Each structure stands twice: as structure tokens, then as C-alpha cells.
PDB file of N, CA and C in Angstrom:
ATOM      1  N   UNK A   1       0.919  -1.181   0.012  1.00  0.00           N
ATOM      2  CA  UNK A   1      -0.031  -0.040   0.018  1.00  0.00           C
ATOM      3  C   UNK A   1       0.872   1.153   0.063  1.00  0.00           C
ATOM      4  N   UNK A   2       0.567   2.255  -0.808  1.00  0.00           N
ATOM      5  CA  UNK A   2       1.325   3.451  -0.875  1.00  0.00           C
ATOM      6  C   UNK A   2       1.184   4.323   0.264  1.00  0.00           C
ATOM      7  N   UNK A   3       2.081   5.205   0.322  1.00  0.00           N
ATOM      8  CA  UNK A   3       2.099   6.236   1.480  1.00  0.00           C
ATOM      9  C   UNK A   3       0.875   7.092   1.581  1.00  0.00           C
ATOM     10  N   UNK A   4       0.477   7.517   0.326  1.00  0.00           N
ATOM     11  CA  UNK A   4      -0.739   8.357   0.317  1.00  0.00           C
ATOM     12  C   UNK A   4      -1.992   7.710   0.853  1.00  0.00           C
ATOM     13  N   UNK A   5      -2.109   6.377   0.536  1.00  0.00           N
ATOM     14  CA  UNK A   5      -3.276   5.674   1.012  1.00  0.00           C
ATOM     15  C   UNK A   5      -3.121   5.516   2.582  1.00  0.00           C
ATOM     16  N   UNK A   6      -1.923   5.224   3.008  1.00  0.00           N
ATOM     17  CA  UNK A   6      -1.760   5.182   4.496  1.00  0.00           C
ATOM     18  C   UNK A   6      -2.010   6.488   5.183  1.00  0.00           C
ATOM     19  N   UNK A   7      -1.641   7.580   4.628  1.00  0.00           N
ATOM     20  CA  UNK A   7      -1.869   8.894   5.149  1.00  0.00           C
ATOM     21  C   UNK A   7      -3.324   9.172   5.134  1.00  0.00           C
ATOM     22  N   UNK A   8      -4.094   8.802   4.128  1.00  0.00           N
ATOM     23  CA  UNK A   8      -5.385   9.012   4.118  1.00  0.00           C
ATOM     24  C   UNK A   8      -6.272   8.226   5.028  1.00  0.00           C
ATOM     25  N   UNK A   9      -5.775   6.973   5.281  1.00  0.00           N
ATOM     26  CA  UNK A   9      -6.469   6.188   6.339  1.00  0.00           C
ATOM     27  C   UNK A   9      -6.240   6.845   7.698  1.00  0.00           C
ATOM     28  N   UNK A  10      -5.042   7.430   7.893  1.00  0.00           N
ATOM     29  CA  UNK A  10      -4.826   8.169   9.199  1.00  0.00           C
ATOM     30  C   UNK A  10      -5.875   9.296   9.317  1.00  0.00           C
ATOM     31  N   UNK A  11      -6.079   9.976   8.223  1.00  0.00           N
ATOM     32  CA  UNK A  11      -7.004  11.121   8.229  1.00  0.00           C
ATOM     33  C   UNK A  11      -8.460  10.642   8.388  1.00  0.00           C
ATOM     34  N   UNK A  12      -8.857   9.569   7.827  1.00  0.00           N
ATOM     35  CA  UNK A  12     -10.183   8.976   8.153  1.00  0.00           C
ATOM     36  C   UNK A  12     -10.320   8.622   9.578  1.00  0.00           C
ATOM     37  N   UNK A  13      -9.270   8.065  10.132  1.00  0.00           N
ATOM     38  CA  UNK A  13      -9.342   7.710  11.532  1.00  0.00           C
ATOM     39  C   UNK A  13      -9.575   8.985  12.351  1.00  0.00           C
ATOM     40  N   UNK A  14      -8.923  10.074  12.099  1.00  0.00           N
ATOM     41  CA  UNK A  14      -9.170  11.268  12.867  1.00  0.00           C
ATOM     42  C   UNK A  14     -10.621  11.742  12.657  1.00  0.00           C
ATOM     43  N   UNK A  15     -11.218  11.603  11.423  1.00  0.00           N
ATOM     44  CA  UNK A  15     -12.535  12.099  11.179  1.00  0.00           C
ATOM     45  C   UNK A  15     -13.469  11.155  11.977  1.00  0.00           C
ATOM     46  N   UNK A  16     -13.167   9.868  12.011  1.00  0.00           N
ATOM     47  CA  UNK A  16     -14.021   8.912  12.812  1.00  0.00           C
ATOM     48  C   UNK A  16     -13.953   9.250  14.305  1.00  0.00           C
ATOM     49  N   UNK A  17     -12.821   9.668  14.786  1.00  0.00           N
ATOM     50  CA  UNK A  17     -12.712  10.060  16.198  1.00  0.00           C
ATOM     51  C   UNK A  17     -13.537  11.306  16.478  1.00  0.00           C
ATOM     52  N   UNK A  18     -13.414  12.292  15.589  1.00  0.00           N
ATOM     53  CA  UNK A  18     -14.234  13.538  15.707  1.00  0.00           C
ATOM     54  C   UNK A  18     -15.733  13.157  15.737  1.00  0.00           C
ATOM     55  N   UNK A  19     -16.127  12.311  14.792  1.00  0.00           N
ATOM     56  CA  UNK A  19     -17.558  11.926  14.710  1.00  0.00           C
ATOM     57  C   UNK A  19     -17.967  11.317  16.057  1.00  0.00           C
ATOM     58  N   UNK A  20     -17.199  10.442  16.560  1.00  0.00           N
ATOM     59  CA  UNK A  20     -17.559   9.743  17.784  1.00  0.00           C
ATOM     60  C   UNK A  20     -17.685  10.794  18.883  1.00  0.00           C
ATOM     61  N   UNK A  21     -16.679  11.681  19.057  1.00  0.00           N
ATOM     62  CA  UNK A  21     -16.879  12.799  20.081  1.00  0.00           C
ATOM     63  C   UNK A  21     -18.255  13.551  19.948  1.00  0.00           C
ATOM     64  N   UNK A  22     -18.478  13.940  18.767  1.00  0.00           N
ATOM     65  CA  UNK A  22     -19.647  14.740  18.606  1.00  0.00           C
ATOM     66  C   UNK A  22     -20.977  14.025  18.872  1.00  0.00           C
ATOM     67  N   UNK A  23     -20.997  12.683  18.342  1.00  0.00           N
ATOM     68  CA  UNK A  23     -22.126  11.834  18.587  1.00  0.00           C
ATOM     69  C   UNK A  23     -22.408  11.567  20.015  1.00  0.00           C
ATOM     70  N   UNK A  24     -21.370  11.483  20.746  1.00  0.00           N
ATOM     71  CA  UNK A  24     -21.478  11.310  22.209  1.00  0.00           C
ATOM     72  C   UNK A  24     -21.770  12.496  23.086  1.00  0.00           C
ATOM     73  N   UNK A  25     -21.900  13.602  22.445  1.00  0.00           N
ATOM     74  CA  UNK A  25     -22.183  14.750  23.162  1.00  0.00           C
ATOM     75  C   UNK A  25     -23.678  15.012  23.168  1.00  0.00           C
ATOM     76  N   UNK A  26     -24.259  15.039  24.313  1.00  0.00           N
ATOM     77  CA  UNK A  26     -25.767  15.197  24.447  1.00  0.00           C
ATOM     78  C   UNK A  26     -26.310  16.475  23.734  1.00  0.00           C
ATOM     79  N   UNK A  27     -25.525  17.531  23.734  1.00  0.00           N
ATOM     80  CA  UNK A  27     -26.031  18.755  23.252  1.00  0.00           C
ATOM     81  C   UNK A  27     -26.278  18.789  21.820  1.00  0.00           C
ATOM     82  N   UNK A  28     -25.615  17.867  21.010  1.00  0.00           N
ATOM     83  CA  UNK A  28     -25.774  17.810  19.603  1.00  0.00           C
ATOM     84  C   UNK A  28     -26.762  16.648  19.160  1.00  0.00           C
ATOM     85  N   UNK A  29     -27.178  15.857  20.063  1.00  0.00           N
ATOM     86  CA  UNK A  29     -28.089  14.707  19.715  1.00  0.00           C
ATOM     87  C   UNK A  29     -29.362  15.183  19.128  1.00  0.00           C
ATOM     88  N   UNK A  30     -29.770  14.551  18.127  1.00  0.00           N
ATOM     89  CA  UNK A  30     -31.125  14.797  17.601  1.00  0.00           C
ATOM     90  C   UNK A  30     -30.964  15.865  16.505  1.00  0.00           C
ATOM     91  N   UNK A  31     -29.884  16.540  16.339  1.00  0.00           N
ATOM     92  CA  UNK A  31     -29.689  17.484  15.336  1.00  0.00           C
ATOM     93  C   UNK A  31     -28.902  16.949  14.087  1.00  0.00           C
ATOM     94  N   UNK A  32     -28.864  17.629  13.047  1.00  0.00           N
ATOM     95  CA  UNK A  32     -28.057  17.358  11.918  1.00  0.00           C
ATOM     96  C   UNK A  32     -26.687  18.009  12.106  1.00  0.00           C
ATOM     97  N   UNK A  33     -25.636  17.250  12.002  1.00  0.00           N
ATOM     98  CA  UNK A  33     -24.281  17.888  12.124  1.00  0.00           C
ATOM     99  C   UNK A  33     -23.520  17.698  10.782  1.00  0.00           C
ATOM    100  N   UNK A  34     -23.127  18.812  10.203  1.00  0.00           N
ATOM    101  CA  UNK A  34     -22.305  18.839   8.962  1.00  0.00           C
ATOM    102  C   UNK A  34     -21.042  19.704   9.235  1.00  0.00           C
ATOM    103  N   UNK A  35     -19.951  19.167   9.026  1.00  0.00           N
ATOM    104  CA  UNK A  35     -18.651  19.876   9.195  1.00  0.00           C
ATOM    105  C   UNK A  35     -18.130  20.105   7.671  1.00  0.00           C
ATOM    106  N   UNK A  36     -17.767  21.338   7.375  1.00  0.00           N
ATOM    107  CA  UNK A  36     -17.366  21.673   6.057  1.00  0.00           C
ATOM    108  C   UNK A  36     -15.976  22.154   6.067  1.00  0.00           C
ATOM    109  N   UNK A  37     -15.290  21.499   5.165  1.00  0.00           N
ATOM    110  CA  UNK A  37     -13.849  21.857   4.851  1.00  0.00           C
ATOM    111  C   UNK A  37     -13.666  22.436   3.491  1.00  0.00           C
ATOM    112  N   UNK A  38     -13.240  23.683   3.502  1.00  0.00           N
ATOM    113  CA  UNK A  38     -12.969  24.359   2.228  1.00  0.00           C
ATOM    114  C   UNK A  38     -11.518  24.384   1.915  1.00  0.00           C
ATOM    115  N   UNK A  39     -11.201  23.651   0.745  1.00  0.00           N
ATOM    116  CA  UNK A  39      -9.845  23.261   0.543  1.00  0.00           C
ATOM    117  C   UNK A  39      -9.378  23.786  -0.823  1.00  0.00           C
ATOM    118  N   UNK A  40      -8.059  24.252  -0.887  1.00  0.00           N
ATOM    119  CA  UNK A  40      -7.418  24.565  -2.216  1.00  0.00           C
ATOM    120  C   UNK A  40      -7.426  23.400  -3.087  1.00  0.00           C
ATOM    121  N   UNK A  41      -7.395  23.587  -4.340  1.00  0.00           N
ATOM    122  CA  UNK A  41      -7.455  22.499  -5.357  1.00  0.00           C
ATOM    123  C   UNK A  41      -6.496  21.388  -5.125  1.00  0.00           C
ATOM    124  N   UNK A  42      -5.325  21.586  -4.733  1.00  0.00           N
ATOM    125  CA  UNK A  42      -4.273  20.511  -4.681  1.00  0.00           C
ATOM    126  C   UNK A  42      -4.710  19.534  -3.480  1.00  0.00           C
ATOM    127  N   UNK A  43      -5.081  20.097  -2.380  1.00  0.00           N
ATOM    128  CA  UNK A  43      -5.585  19.234  -1.242  1.00  0.00           C
ATOM    129  C   UNK A  43      -6.927  18.575  -1.559  1.00  0.00           C
ATOM    130  N   UNK A  44      -7.809  19.286  -2.236  1.00  0.00           N
ATOM    131  CA  UNK A  44      -9.079  18.797  -2.556  1.00  0.00           C
ATOM    132  C   UNK A  44      -8.895  17.534  -3.498  1.00  0.00           C
ATOM    133  N   UNK A  45      -8.046  17.711  -4.596  1.00  0.00           N
ATOM    134  CA  UNK A  45      -7.830  16.660  -5.459  1.00  0.00           C
ATOM    135  C   UNK A  45      -7.072  15.445  -4.848  1.00  0.00           C
ATOM    136  N   UNK A  46      -6.267  15.822  -3.878  1.00  0.00           N
ATOM    137  CA  UNK A  46      -5.538  14.669  -3.189  1.00  0.00           C
ATOM    138  C   UNK A  46      -6.512  13.751  -2.441  1.00  0.00           C
ATOM    139  N   UNK A  47      -7.492  14.415  -1.803  1.00  0.00           N
ATOM    140  CA  UNK A  47      -8.498  13.608  -1.130  1.00  0.00           C
ATOM    141  C   UNK A  47      -9.375  12.753  -2.164  1.00  0.00           C
ATOM    142  N   UNK A  48      -9.762  13.430  -3.233  1.00  0.00           N
ATOM    143  CA  UNK A  48     -10.555  12.691  -4.242  1.00  0.00           C
ATOM    144  C   UNK A  48      -9.837  11.470  -4.768  1.00  0.00           C
ATOM    145  N   UNK A  49      -8.601  11.538  -4.944  1.00  0.00           N
ATOM    146  CA  UNK A  49      -7.903  10.366  -5.476  1.00  0.00           C
ATOM    147  C   UNK A  49      -8.049   9.121  -4.607  1.00  0.00           C
ATOM    148  N   UNK A  50      -8.440   9.203  -3.400  1.00  0.00           N
ATOM    149  CA  UNK A  50      -8.628   8.101  -2.507  1.00  0.00           C
ATOM    150  C   UNK A  50     -10.045   7.325  -2.762  1.00  0.00           C
ATOM    151  N   UNK A  51     -10.810   7.754  -3.709  1.00  0.00           N
ATOM    152  CA  UNK A  51     -12.076   7.189  -3.961  1.00  0.00           C
ATOM    153  C   UNK A  51     -12.115   6.655  -5.386  1.00  0.00           C
ATOM    154  N   UNK A  52     -12.800   5.538  -5.558  1.00  0.00           N
ATOM    155  CA  UNK A  52     -12.847   4.958  -6.849  1.00  0.00           C
ATOM    156  C   UNK A  52     -13.893   5.684  -7.766  1.00  0.00           C
ATOM    157  N   UNK A  53     -15.088   5.815  -7.346  1.00  0.00           N
ATOM    158  CA  UNK A  53     -16.113   6.373  -8.215  1.00  0.00           C
ATOM    159  C   UNK A  53     -16.394   7.776  -7.705  1.00  0.00           C
ATOM    160  N   UNK A  54     -15.944   8.766  -8.416  1.00  0.00           N
ATOM    161  CA  UNK A  54     -16.051  10.123  -7.998  1.00  0.00           C
ATOM    162  C   UNK A  54     -16.317  10.957  -9.199  1.00  0.00           C
ATOM    163  N   UNK A  55     -17.047  11.986  -9.064  1.00  0.00           N
ATOM    164  CA  UNK A  55     -17.325  12.985 -10.129  1.00  0.00           C
ATOM    165  C   UNK A  55     -16.213  14.061  -9.970  1.00  0.00           C
ATOM    166  N   UNK A  56     -15.342  13.944 -10.928  1.00  0.00           N
ATOM    167  CA  UNK A  56     -14.125  14.893 -10.859  1.00  0.00           C
ATOM    168  C   UNK A  56     -14.571  16.261 -11.241  1.00  0.00           C
ATOM    169  N   UNK A  57     -15.736  16.403 -11.871  1.00  0.00           N
ATOM    170  CA  UNK A  57     -16.200  17.746 -12.203  1.00  0.00           C
ATOM    171  C   UNK A  57     -16.864  18.476 -11.081  1.00  0.00           C
ATOM    172  N   UNK A  58     -17.163  17.767 -10.032  1.00  0.00           N
ATOM    173  CA  UNK A  58     -17.881  18.346  -8.899  1.00  0.00           C
ATOM    174  C   UNK A  58     -16.933  19.089  -7.960  1.00  0.00           C
ATOM    175  N   UNK A  59     -17.585  20.226  -7.455  1.00  0.00           N
ATOM    176  CA  UNK A  59     -16.739  21.043  -6.493  1.00  0.00           C
ATOM    177  C   UNK A  59     -17.029  20.830  -5.200  1.00  0.00           C
ATOM    178  N   UNK A  60     -17.746  19.667  -4.821  1.00  0.00           N
ATOM    179  CA  UNK A  60     -17.947  19.281  -3.392  1.00  0.00           C
ATOM    180  C   UNK A  60     -18.215  17.805  -3.295  1.00  0.00           C
ATOM    181  N   UNK A  61     -17.953  17.202  -2.219  1.00  0.00           N
ATOM    182  CA  UNK A  61     -18.401  15.733  -2.027  1.00  0.00           C
ATOM    183  C   UNK A  61     -18.544  15.631  -0.462  1.00  0.00           C
ATOM    184  N   UNK A  62     -19.116  14.515  -0.099  1.00  0.00           N
ATOM    185  CA  UNK A  62     -19.335  14.282   1.294  1.00  0.00           C
ATOM    186  C   UNK A  62     -18.870  12.890   1.645  1.00  0.00           C
ATOM    187  N   UNK A  63     -18.381  12.775   2.973  1.00  0.00           N
ATOM    188  CA  UNK A  63     -18.130  11.543   3.637  1.00  0.00           C
ATOM    189  C   UNK A  63     -18.931  11.578   4.869  1.00  0.00           C
ATOM    190  N   UNK A  64     -19.738  10.495   4.948  1.00  0.00           N
ATOM    191  CA  UNK A  64     -20.591  10.309   6.185  1.00  0.00           C
ATOM    192  C   UNK A  64     -19.909   9.318   7.077  1.00  0.00           C
ATOM    193  N   UNK A  65     -19.770   9.560   8.266  1.00  0.00           N
ATOM    194  CA  UNK A  65     -19.147   8.753   9.304  1.00  0.00           C
ATOM    195  C   UNK A  65     -20.110   8.765  10.524  1.00  0.00           C
ATOM    196  N   UNK A  66     -20.781   7.628  10.738  1.00  0.00           N
ATOM    197  CA  UNK A  66     -21.863   7.631  11.673  1.00  0.00           C
ATOM    198  C   UNK A  66     -22.921   8.686  11.316  1.00  0.00           C
ATOM    199  N   UNK A  67     -23.356   9.489  12.244  1.00  0.00           N
ATOM    200  CA  UNK A  67     -24.355  10.451  12.008  1.00  0.00           C
ATOM    201  C   UNK A  67     -23.793  11.763  11.519  1.00  0.00           C
ATOM    202  N   UNK A  68     -22.492  11.876  11.339  1.00  0.00           N
ATOM    203  CA  UNK A  68     -21.892  13.200  11.010  1.00  0.00           C
ATOM    204  C   UNK A  68     -21.568  13.220   9.507  1.00  0.00           C
ATOM    205  N   UNK A  69     -21.875  14.386   8.924  1.00  0.00           N
ATOM    206  CA  UNK A  69     -21.538  14.507   7.454  1.00  0.00           C
ATOM    207  C   UNK A  69     -20.398  15.394   7.296  1.00  0.00           C
ATOM    208  N   UNK A  70     -19.347  14.976   6.707  1.00  0.00           N
ATOM    209  CA  UNK A  70     -18.157  15.844   6.478  1.00  0.00           C
ATOM    210  C   UNK A  70     -18.234  16.207   4.971  1.00  0.00           C
ATOM    211  N   UNK A  71     -18.226  17.474   4.824  1.00  0.00           N
ATOM    212  CA  UNK A  71     -18.439  18.036   3.409  1.00  0.00           C
ATOM    213  C   UNK A  71     -17.078  18.653   3.053  1.00  0.00           C
ATOM    214  N   UNK A  72     -16.600  18.284   1.939  1.00  0.00           N
ATOM    215  CA  UNK A  72     -15.390  18.881   1.332  1.00  0.00           C
ATOM    216  C   UNK A  72     -15.740  19.728   0.183  1.00  0.00           C
ATOM    217  N   UNK A  73     -15.265  20.905   0.166  1.00  0.00           N
ATOM    218  CA  UNK A  73     -15.566  21.900  -0.888  1.00  0.00           C
ATOM    219  C   UNK A  73     -14.327  22.477  -1.437  1.00  0.00           C
ATOM    220  N   UNK A  74     -14.338  22.579  -2.825  1.00  0.00           N
ATOM    221  CA  UNK A  74     -13.220  23.150  -3.538  1.00  0.00           C
ATOM    222  C   UNK A  74     -13.213  24.710  -3.325  1.00  0.00           C
ATOM    223  N   UNK A  75     -12.141  25.154  -2.829  1.00  0.00           N
ATOM    224  CA  UNK A  75     -12.080  26.598  -2.664  1.00  0.00           C
ATOM    225  C   UNK A  75     -11.875  27.338  -4.022  1.00  0.00           C
ATOM    226  N   UNK A  76     -12.740  28.325  -4.257  1.00  0.00           N
ATOM    227  CA  UNK A  76     -12.578  29.103  -5.567  1.00  0.00           C
ATOM    228  C   UNK A  76     -12.105  30.372  -5.403  1.00  0.00           C
TER     229      UNK A  76
END
């Protein structure tokens, strides 16, 4: 497995930990939680490369982990 894939798995682990922390917080229960990351093109594309079926023409995509929606947006 390449270094990029390993790095990305580490990043997903961090997102999963964040998701777990938020889901376990009573204050946020019952609501919809969406975290948005606005990224420059090089970082946005680097994340996209980790997915098989992706619309390269899109300027946003989501990763759902548990009840938390992580939204990645291409900075314009």
C-alpha cells in the first residue's frame, strides 16, 4: 500500500474520532451535524484520489461517518 493511502487512512481515523466525540455529546443529539472543509485545489484533489467512483467535475463531496456529514468543498 502506498504512502498516500496510509496517510489518508490516518485522516479517516481522525474524522471517525471527531464523529464519535460529537455523537457522544448530548448537546448535539437529535440535530443534523455537517462539518465543512473548504480546501485549495491540490488538497481537494488529493482527497478525491482516494475514492474509486467520484465525479471529478464536482466542486464538493461528502463523507458520512456515523451520523456526522463531512463536506469537502473546492475553494474558488
